Amino acid sequence: MAMAQVTDNPAIADGSSIHQEAKQQLHSYLRNNILPLMQTGKPLVLNEILHRVNIRKPKLVQQLGKQQVQHMVQRALQS
């Protein structure tokens, strides 16, 4: 079930290019760094992945917000 994102930041509300770029960078990080670890059999749970993202990509977490990052990680895990 999709949830609408409510924000007071007009740049994010409009789907600004900065926000879109941050989302693309996070997708790229997950695809290139996290998914290969999982494919080799390394058991990673959601909290471990979120911790890795927070440590290695703090600016992305700050730009997107923790809930958005968590949602994107969960979607990446499902695919």
PDB file of N, CA and C in Angstrom:
ATOM      1  N   MET A   1       0.851  -1.166   0.000  1.00  0.00           N
ATOM      2  CA  MET A   1       0.000   0.000   0.000  1.00  0.00           C
ATOM      3  C   MET A   1       0.901   1.235   0.000  1.00  0.00           C
ATOM      4  N   ALA A   2       0.683   2.118  -0.929  1.00  0.00           N
ATOM      5  CA  ALA A   2       1.495   3.333  -1.044  1.00  0.00           C
ATOM      6  C   ALA A   2       0.991   4.396  -0.086  1.00  0.00           C
ATOM      7  N   MET A   3       1.948   5.144   0.450  1.00  0.00           N
ATOM      8  CA  MET A   3       1.601   6.235   1.358  1.00  0.00           C
ATOM      9  C   MET A   3       2.065   7.538   0.731  1.00  0.00           C
ATOM     10  N   ALA A   4       1.244   8.550   0.828  1.00  0.00           N
ATOM     11  CA  ALA A   4       1.611   9.859   0.290  1.00  0.00           C
ATOM     12  C   ALA A   4       2.621  10.512   1.210  1.00  0.00           C
ATOM     13  N   GLN A   5       3.593  11.169   0.619  1.00  0.00           N
ATOM     14  CA  GLN A   5       4.592  11.881   1.406  1.00  0.00           C
ATOM     15  C   GLN A   5       4.116  13.309   1.602  1.00  0.00           C
ATOM     16  N   VAL A   6       4.049  13.732   2.843  1.00  0.00           N
ATOM     17  CA  VAL A   6       3.630  15.089   3.168  1.00  0.00           C
ATOM     18  C   VAL A   6       4.859  15.853   3.617  1.00  0.00           C
ATOM     19  N   THR A   7       5.061  17.025   3.033  1.00  0.00           N
ATOM     20  CA  THR A   7       6.229  17.817   3.381  1.00  0.00           C
ATOM     21  C   THR A   7       5.938  19.294   3.246  1.00  0.00           C
ATOM     22  N   ASP A   8       6.649  20.089   4.045  1.00  0.00           N
ATOM     23  CA  ASP A   8       6.554  21.541   3.946  1.00  0.00           C
ATOM     24  C   ASP A   8       7.624  22.094   3.018  1.00  0.00           C
ATOM     25  N   ASN A   9       8.520  21.241   2.570  1.00  0.00           N
ATOM     26  CA  ASN A   9       9.607  21.670   1.700  1.00  0.00           C
ATOM     27  C   ASN A   9       9.116  21.647   0.254  1.00  0.00           C
ATOM     28  N   PRO A  10       8.940  22.820  -0.378  1.00  0.00           N
ATOM     29  CA  PRO A  10       8.396  22.839  -1.733  1.00  0.00           C
ATOM     30  C   PRO A  10       9.298  22.156  -2.755  1.00  0.00           C
ATOM     31  N   ALA A  11      10.603  22.154  -2.525  1.00  0.00           N
ATOM     32  CA  ALA A  11      11.512  21.492  -3.465  1.00  0.00           C
ATOM     33  C   ALA A  11      11.256  19.997  -3.495  1.00  0.00           C
ATOM     34  N   ILE A  12      11.029  19.412  -2.330  1.00  0.00           N
ATOM     35  CA  ILE A  12      10.750  17.983  -2.262  1.00  0.00           C
ATOM     36  C   ILE A  12       9.343  17.701  -2.761  1.00  0.00           C
ATOM     37  N   ALA A  13       8.394  18.552  -2.407  1.00  0.00           N
ATOM     38  CA  ALA A  13       7.013  18.354  -2.824  1.00  0.00           C
ATOM     39  C   ALA A  13       6.895  18.352  -4.344  1.00  0.00           C
ATOM     40  N   ASP A  14       7.702  19.158  -5.010  1.00  0.00           N
ATOM     41  CA  ASP A  14       7.662  19.230  -6.468  1.00  0.00           C
ATOM     42  C   ASP A  14       8.485  18.127  -7.120  1.00  0.00           C
ATOM     43  N   GLY A  15       9.148  17.302  -6.339  1.00  0.00           N
ATOM     44  CA  GLY A  15      10.011  16.281  -6.909  1.00  0.00           C
ATOM     45  C   GLY A  15      11.228  16.912  -7.548  1.00  0.00           C
ATOM     46  N   SER A  16      11.887  17.793  -6.811  1.00  0.00           N
ATOM     47  CA  SER A  16      13.018  18.559  -7.341  1.00  0.00           C
ATOM     48  C   SER A  16      14.104  17.651  -7.882  1.00  0.00           C
ATOM     49  N   SER A  17      14.916  18.216  -8.749  1.00  0.00           N
ATOM     50  CA  SER A  17      15.993  17.432  -9.345  1.00  0.00           C
ATOM     51  C   SER A  17      17.001  16.994  -8.287  1.00  0.00           C
ATOM     52  N   ILE A  18      17.197  17.798  -7.241  1.00  0.00           N
ATOM     53  CA  ILE A  18      18.115  17.420  -6.157  1.00  0.00           C
ATOM     54  C   ILE A  18      17.589  16.174  -5.453  1.00  0.00           C
ATOM     55  N   HIS A  19      16.297  16.170  -5.163  1.00  0.00           N
ATOM     56  CA  HIS A  19      15.676  15.029  -4.496  1.00  0.00           C
ATOM     57  C   HIS A  19      15.728  13.796  -5.404  1.00  0.00           C
ATOM     58  N   GLN A  20      15.424  13.976  -6.680  1.00  0.00           N
ATOM     59  CA  GLN A  20      15.464  12.860  -7.625  1.00  0.00           C
ATOM     60  C   GLN A  20      16.885  12.312  -7.768  1.00  0.00           C
ATOM     61  N   GLU A  21      17.854  13.204  -7.794  1.00  0.00           N
ATOM     62  CA  GLU A  21      19.252  12.773  -7.906  1.00  0.00           C
ATOM     63  C   GLU A  21      19.673  11.976  -6.673  1.00  0.00           C
ATOM     64  N   ALA A  22      19.245  12.411  -5.496  1.00  0.00           N
ATOM     65  CA  ALA A  22      19.563  11.688  -4.262  1.00  0.00           C
ATOM     66  C   ALA A  22      18.948  10.289  -4.301  1.00  0.00           C
ATOM     67  N   LYS A  23      17.721  10.186  -4.792  1.00  0.00           N
ATOM     68  CA  LYS A  23      17.074   8.879  -4.903  1.00  0.00           C
ATOM     69  C   LYS A  23      17.834   7.981  -5.876  1.00  0.00           C
ATOM     70  N   GLN A  24      18.275   8.545  -6.992  1.00  0.00           N
ATOM     71  CA  GLN A  24      19.034   7.764  -7.969  1.00  0.00           C
ATOM     72  C   GLN A  24      20.366   7.300  -7.386  1.00  0.00           C
ATOM     73  N   GLN A  25      21.018   8.175  -6.614  1.00  0.00           N
ATOM     74  CA  GLN A  25      22.293   7.801  -5.994  1.00  0.00           C
ATOM     75  C   GLN A  25      22.102   6.675  -4.989  1.00  0.00           C
ATOM     76  N   LEU A  26      21.013   6.730  -4.224  1.00  0.00           N
ATOM     77  CA  LEU A  26      20.747   5.667  -3.258  1.00  0.00           C
ATOM     78  C   LEU A  26      20.454   4.355  -3.977  1.00  0.00           C
ATOM     79  N   HIS A  27      19.643   4.400  -5.032  1.00  0.00           N
ATOM     80  CA  HIS A  27      19.372   3.189  -5.816  1.00  0.00           C
ATOM     81  C   HIS A  27      20.673   2.600  -6.355  1.00  0.00           C
ATOM     82  N   SER A  28      21.539   3.458  -6.847  1.00  0.00           N
ATOM     83  CA  SER A  28      22.817   3.011  -7.385  1.00  0.00           C
ATOM     84  C   SER A  28      23.667   2.363  -6.293  1.00  0.00           C
ATOM     85  N   TYR A  29      23.718   2.981  -5.121  1.00  0.00           N
ATOM     86  CA  TYR A  29      24.494   2.430  -4.008  1.00  0.00           C
ATOM     87  C   TYR A  29      23.956   1.054  -3.613  1.00  0.00           C
ATOM     88  N   LEU A  30      22.641   0.948  -3.506  1.00  0.00           N
ATOM     89  CA  LEU A  30      22.042  -0.334  -3.132  1.00  0.00           C
ATOM     90  C   LEU A  30      22.328  -1.395  -4.192  1.00  0.00           C
ATOM     91  N   ARG A  31      22.161  -1.031  -5.445  1.00  0.00           N
ATOM     92  CA  ARG A  31      22.349  -1.971  -6.553  1.00  0.00           C
ATOM     93  C   ARG A  31      23.813  -2.419  -6.668  1.00  0.00           C
ATOM     94  N   ASN A  32      24.742  -1.495  -6.462  1.00  0.00           N
ATOM     95  CA  ASN A  32      26.156  -1.803  -6.685  1.00  0.00           C
ATOM     96  C   ASN A  32      26.896  -2.309  -5.452  1.00  0.00           C
ATOM     97  N   ASN A  33      26.379  -2.042  -4.263  1.00  0.00           N
ATOM     98  CA  ASN A  33      27.117  -2.403  -3.045  1.00  0.00           C
ATOM     99  C   ASN A  33      26.381  -3.366  -2.123  1.00  0.00           C
ATOM    100  N   ILE A  34      25.088  -3.211  -1.978  1.00  0.00           N
ATOM    101  CA  ILE A  34      24.347  -4.045  -1.031  1.00  0.00           C
ATOM    102  C   ILE A  34      23.843  -5.333  -1.685  1.00  0.00           C
ATOM    103  N   LEU A  35      23.202  -5.218  -2.837  1.00  0.00           N
ATOM    104  CA  LEU A  35      22.648  -6.411  -3.481  1.00  0.00           C
ATOM    105  C   LEU A  35      23.713  -7.452  -3.827  1.00  0.00           C
ATOM    106  N   PRO A  36      24.914  -7.055  -4.296  1.00  0.00           N
ATOM    107  CA  PRO A  36      25.945  -8.080  -4.533  1.00  0.00           C
ATOM    108  C   PRO A  36      26.348  -8.834  -3.264  1.00  0.00           C
ATOM    109  N   LEU A  37      26.377  -8.144  -2.127  1.00  0.00           N
ATOM    110  CA  LEU A  37      26.679  -8.828  -0.861  1.00  0.00           C
ATOM    111  C   LEU A  37      25.631  -9.890  -0.566  1.00  0.00           C
ATOM    112  N   MET A  38      24.383  -9.533  -0.794  1.00  0.00           N
ATOM    113  CA  MET A  38      23.297 -10.465  -0.510  1.00  0.00           C
ATOM    114  C   MET A  38      23.319 -11.645  -1.486  1.00  0.00           C
ATOM    115  N   GLN A  39      23.704 -11.387  -2.724  1.00  0.00           N
ATOM    116  CA  GLN A  39      23.746 -12.453  -3.730  1.00  0.00           C
ATOM    117  C   GLN A  39      24.851 -13.461  -3.439  1.00  0.00           C
ATOM    118  N   THR A  40      25.887 -13.037  -2.718  1.00  0.00           N
ATOM    119  CA  THR A  40      26.962 -13.967  -2.359  1.00  0.00           C
ATOM    120  C   THR A  40      26.600 -14.798  -1.134  1.00  0.00           C
ATOM    121  N   GLY A  41      25.436 -14.535  -0.564  1.00  0.00           N
ATOM    122  CA  GLY A  41      24.979 -15.321   0.567  1.00  0.00           C
ATOM    123  C   GLY A  41      25.166 -14.655   1.914  1.00  0.00           C
ATOM    124  N   LYS A  42      25.673 -13.433   1.937  1.00  0.00           N
ATOM    125  CA  LYS A  42      25.845 -12.730   3.210  1.00  0.00           C
ATOM    126  C   LYS A  42      24.464 -12.348   3.737  1.00  0.00           C
ATOM    127  N   PRO A  43      24.103 -12.846   4.915  1.00  0.00           N
ATOM    128  CA  PRO A  43      22.779 -12.518   5.453  1.00  0.00           C
ATOM    129  C   PRO A  43      22.757 -11.095   6.023  1.00  0.00           C
ATOM    130  N   LEU A  44      21.980 -10.242   5.416  1.00  0.00           N
ATOM    131  CA  LEU A  44      21.833  -8.866   5.889  1.00  0.00           C
ATOM    132  C   LEU A  44      20.370  -8.617   6.216  1.00  0.00           C
ATOM    133  N   VAL A  45      20.138  -8.073   7.386  1.00  0.00           N
ATOM    134  CA  VAL A  45      18.780  -7.691   7.751  1.00  0.00           C
ATOM    135  C   VAL A  45      18.628  -6.192   7.528  1.00  0.00           C
ATOM    136  N   LEU A  46      17.399  -5.738   7.558  1.00  0.00           N
ATOM    137  CA  LEU A  46      17.091  -4.345   7.250  1.00  0.00           C
ATOM    138  C   LEU A  46      17.918  -3.378   8.085  1.00  0.00           C
ATOM    139  N   ASN A  47      18.023  -3.614   9.392  1.00  0.00           N
ATOM    140  CA  ASN A  47      18.763  -2.689  10.257  1.00  0.00           C
ATOM    141  C   ASN A  47      20.241  -2.602   9.890  1.00  0.00           C
ATOM    142  N   GLU A  48      20.841  -3.718   9.490  1.00  0.00           N
ATOM    143  CA  GLU A  48      22.249  -3.707   9.081  1.00  0.00           C
ATOM    144  C   GLU A  48      22.438  -2.888   7.810  1.00  0.00           C
ATOM    145  N   ILE A  49      21.525  -3.042   6.870  1.00  0.00           N
ATOM    146  CA  ILE A  49      21.619  -2.290   5.615  1.00  0.00           C
ATOM    147  C   ILE A  49      21.427  -0.807   5.882  1.00  0.00           C
ATOM    148  N   LEU A  50      20.447  -0.460   6.702  1.00  0.00           N
ATOM    149  CA  LEU A  50      20.216   0.949   7.032  1.00  0.00           C
ATOM    150  C   LEU A  50      21.435   1.546   7.722  1.00  0.00           C
ATOM    151  N   HIS A  51      22.074   0.768   8.594  1.00  0.00           N
ATOM    152  CA  HIS A  51      23.282   1.245   9.267  1.00  0.00           C
ATOM    153  C   HIS A  51      24.392   1.515   8.249  1.00  0.00           C
ATOM    154  N   ARG A  52      24.583   0.600   7.302  1.00  0.00           N
ATOM    155  CA  ARG A  52      25.601   0.789   6.261  1.00  0.00           C
ATOM    156  C   ARG A  52      25.322   2.054   5.449  1.00  0.00           C
ATOM    157  N   VAL A  53      24.058   2.247   5.083  1.00  0.00           N
ATOM    158  CA  VAL A  53      23.698   3.439   4.301  1.00  0.00           C
ATOM    159  C   VAL A  53      23.950   4.698   5.123  1.00  0.00           C
ATOM    160  N   ASN A  54      23.563   4.679   6.402  1.00  0.00           N
ATOM    161  CA  ASN A  54      23.778   5.846   7.270  1.00  0.00           C
ATOM    162  C   ASN A  54      25.254   6.190   7.413  1.00  0.00           C
ATOM    163  N   ILE A  55      26.103   5.174   7.496  1.00  0.00           N
ATOM    164  CA  ILE A  55      27.538   5.394   7.657  1.00  0.00           C
ATOM    165  C   ILE A  55      28.176   5.863   6.353  1.00  0.00           C
ATOM    166  N   ARG A  56      27.833   5.198   5.260  1.00  0.00           N
ATOM    167  CA  ARG A  56      28.525   5.467   3.990  1.00  0.00           C
ATOM    168  C   ARG A  56      27.903   6.582   3.159  1.00  0.00           C
ATOM    169  N   LYS A  57      26.623   6.857   3.358  1.00  0.00           N
ATOM    170  CA  LYS A  57      25.938   7.880   2.556  1.00  0.00           C
ATOM    171  C   LYS A  57      25.102   8.814   3.442  1.00  0.00           C
ATOM    172  N   PRO A  58      25.733   9.475   4.422  1.00  0.00           N
ATOM    173  CA  PRO A  58      24.955  10.308   5.353  1.00  0.00           C
ATOM    174  C   PRO A  58      24.248  11.481   4.674  1.00  0.00           C
ATOM    175  N   LYS A  59      24.844  12.039   3.621  1.00  0.00           N
ATOM    176  CA  LYS A  59      24.189  13.156   2.932  1.00  0.00           C
ATOM    177  C   LYS A  59      22.899  12.712   2.258  1.00  0.00           C
ATOM    178  N   LEU A  60      22.906  11.531   1.685  1.00  0.00           N
ATOM    179  CA  LEU A  60      21.691  11.023   1.050  1.00  0.00           C
ATOM    180  C   LEU A  60      20.595  10.810   2.082  1.00  0.00           C
ATOM    181  N   VAL A  61      20.980  10.262   3.237  1.00  0.00           N
ATOM    182  CA  VAL A  61      20.000  10.049   4.306  1.00  0.00           C
ATOM    183  C   VAL A  61      19.439  11.388   4.765  1.00  0.00           C
ATOM    184  N   GLN A  62      20.299  12.382   4.870  1.00  0.00           N
ATOM    185  CA  GLN A  62      19.853  13.709   5.292  1.00  0.00           C
ATOM    186  C   GLN A  62      18.915  14.323   4.254  1.00  0.00           C
ATOM    187  N   GLN A  63      19.247  14.181   2.979  1.00  0.00           N
ATOM    188  CA  GLN A  63      18.424  14.769   1.927  1.00  0.00           C
ATOM    189  C   GLN A  63      17.077  14.075   1.795  1.00  0.00           C
ATOM    190  N   LEU A  64      17.073  12.757   1.893  1.00  0.00           N
ATOM    191  CA  LEU A  64      15.856  11.999   1.652  1.00  0.00           C
ATOM    192  C   LEU A  64      15.020  11.790   2.908  1.00  0.00           C
ATOM    193  N   GLY A  65      15.659  11.739   4.046  1.00  0.00           N
ATOM    194  CA  GLY A  65      14.955  11.438   5.287  1.00  0.00           C
ATOM    195  C   GLY A  65      15.020   9.947   5.573  1.00  0.00           C
ATOM    196  N   LYS A  66      15.051   9.605   6.841  1.00  0.00           N
ATOM    197  CA  LYS A  66      15.228   8.205   7.236  1.00  0.00           C
ATOM    198  C   LYS A  66      14.081   7.317   6.772  1.00  0.00           C
ATOM    199  N   GLN A  67      12.852   7.828   6.823  1.00  0.00           N
ATOM    200  CA  GLN A  67      11.714   7.003   6.404  1.00  0.00           C
ATOM    201  C   GLN A  67      11.774   6.689   4.916  1.00  0.00           C
ATOM    202  N   GLN A  68      12.130   7.682   4.108  1.00  0.00           N
ATOM    203  CA  GLN A  68      12.244   7.466   2.665  1.00  0.00           C
ATOM    204  C   GLN A  68      13.343   6.461   2.360  1.00  0.00           C
ATOM    205  N   VAL A  69      14.479   6.576   3.048  1.00  0.00           N
ATOM    206  CA  VAL A  69      15.584   5.638   2.841  1.00  0.00           C
ATOM    207  C   VAL A  69      15.144   4.231   3.220  1.00  0.00           C
ATOM    208  N   GLN A  70      14.475   4.098   4.356  1.00  0.00           N
ATOM    209  CA  GLN A  70      14.015   2.785   4.793  1.00  0.00           C
ATOM    210  C   GLN A  70      13.053   2.185   3.771  1.00  0.00           C
ATOM    211  N   HIS A  71      12.145   2.996   3.268  1.00  0.00           N
ATOM    212  CA  HIS A  71      11.185   2.523   2.272  1.00  0.00           C
ATOM    213  C   HIS A  71      11.908   2.048   1.004  1.00  0.00           C
ATOM    214  N   MET A  72      12.894   2.808   0.567  1.00  0.00           N
ATOM    215  CA  MET A  72      13.632   2.447  -0.641  1.00  0.00           C
ATOM    216  C   MET A  72      14.443   1.167  -0.434  1.00  0.00           C
ATOM    217  N   VAL A  73      15.022   0.998   0.749  1.00  0.00           N
ATOM    218  CA  VAL A  73      15.781  -0.218   1.046  1.00  0.00           C
ATOM    219  C   VAL A  73      14.842  -1.417   1.055  1.00  0.00           C
ATOM    220  N   GLN A  74      13.679  -1.265   1.668  1.00  0.00           N
ATOM    221  CA  GLN A  74      12.716  -2.363   1.711  1.00  0.00           C
ATOM    222  C   GLN A  74      12.286  -2.766   0.305  1.00  0.00           C
ATOM    223  N   ARG A  75      12.052  -1.783  -0.554  1.00  0.00           N
ATOM    224  CA  ARG A  75      11.665  -2.081  -1.939  1.00  0.00           C
ATOM    225  C   ARG A  75      12.798  -2.790  -2.676  1.00  0.00           C
ATOM    226  N   ALA A  76      14.035  -2.378  -2.433  1.00  0.00           N
ATOM    227  CA  ALA A  76      15.179  -3.019  -3.086  1.00  0.00           C
ATOM    228  C   ALA A  76      15.328  -4.469  -2.624  1.00  0.00           C
ATOM    229  N   LEU A  77      15.024  -4.728  -1.366  1.00  0.00           N
ATOM    230  CA  LEU A  77      15.124  -6.084  -0.837  1.00  0.00           C
ATOM    231  C   LEU A  77      14.075  -7.005  -1.447  1.00  0.00           C
ATOM    232  N   GLN A  78      12.937  -6.452  -1.801  1.00  0.00           N
ATOM    233  CA  GLN A  78      11.851  -7.250  -2.364  1.00  0.00           C
ATOM    234  C   GLN A  78      12.113  -7.639  -3.813  1.00  0.00           C
ATOM    235  N   SER A  79      12.942  -6.862  -4.500  1.00  0.00           N
ATOM    236  CA  SER A  79      13.174  -7.149  -5.923  1.00  0.00           C
ATOM    237  C   SER A  79      14.291  -8.128  -6.147  1.00  0.00           C
TER     238      SER A  79
END
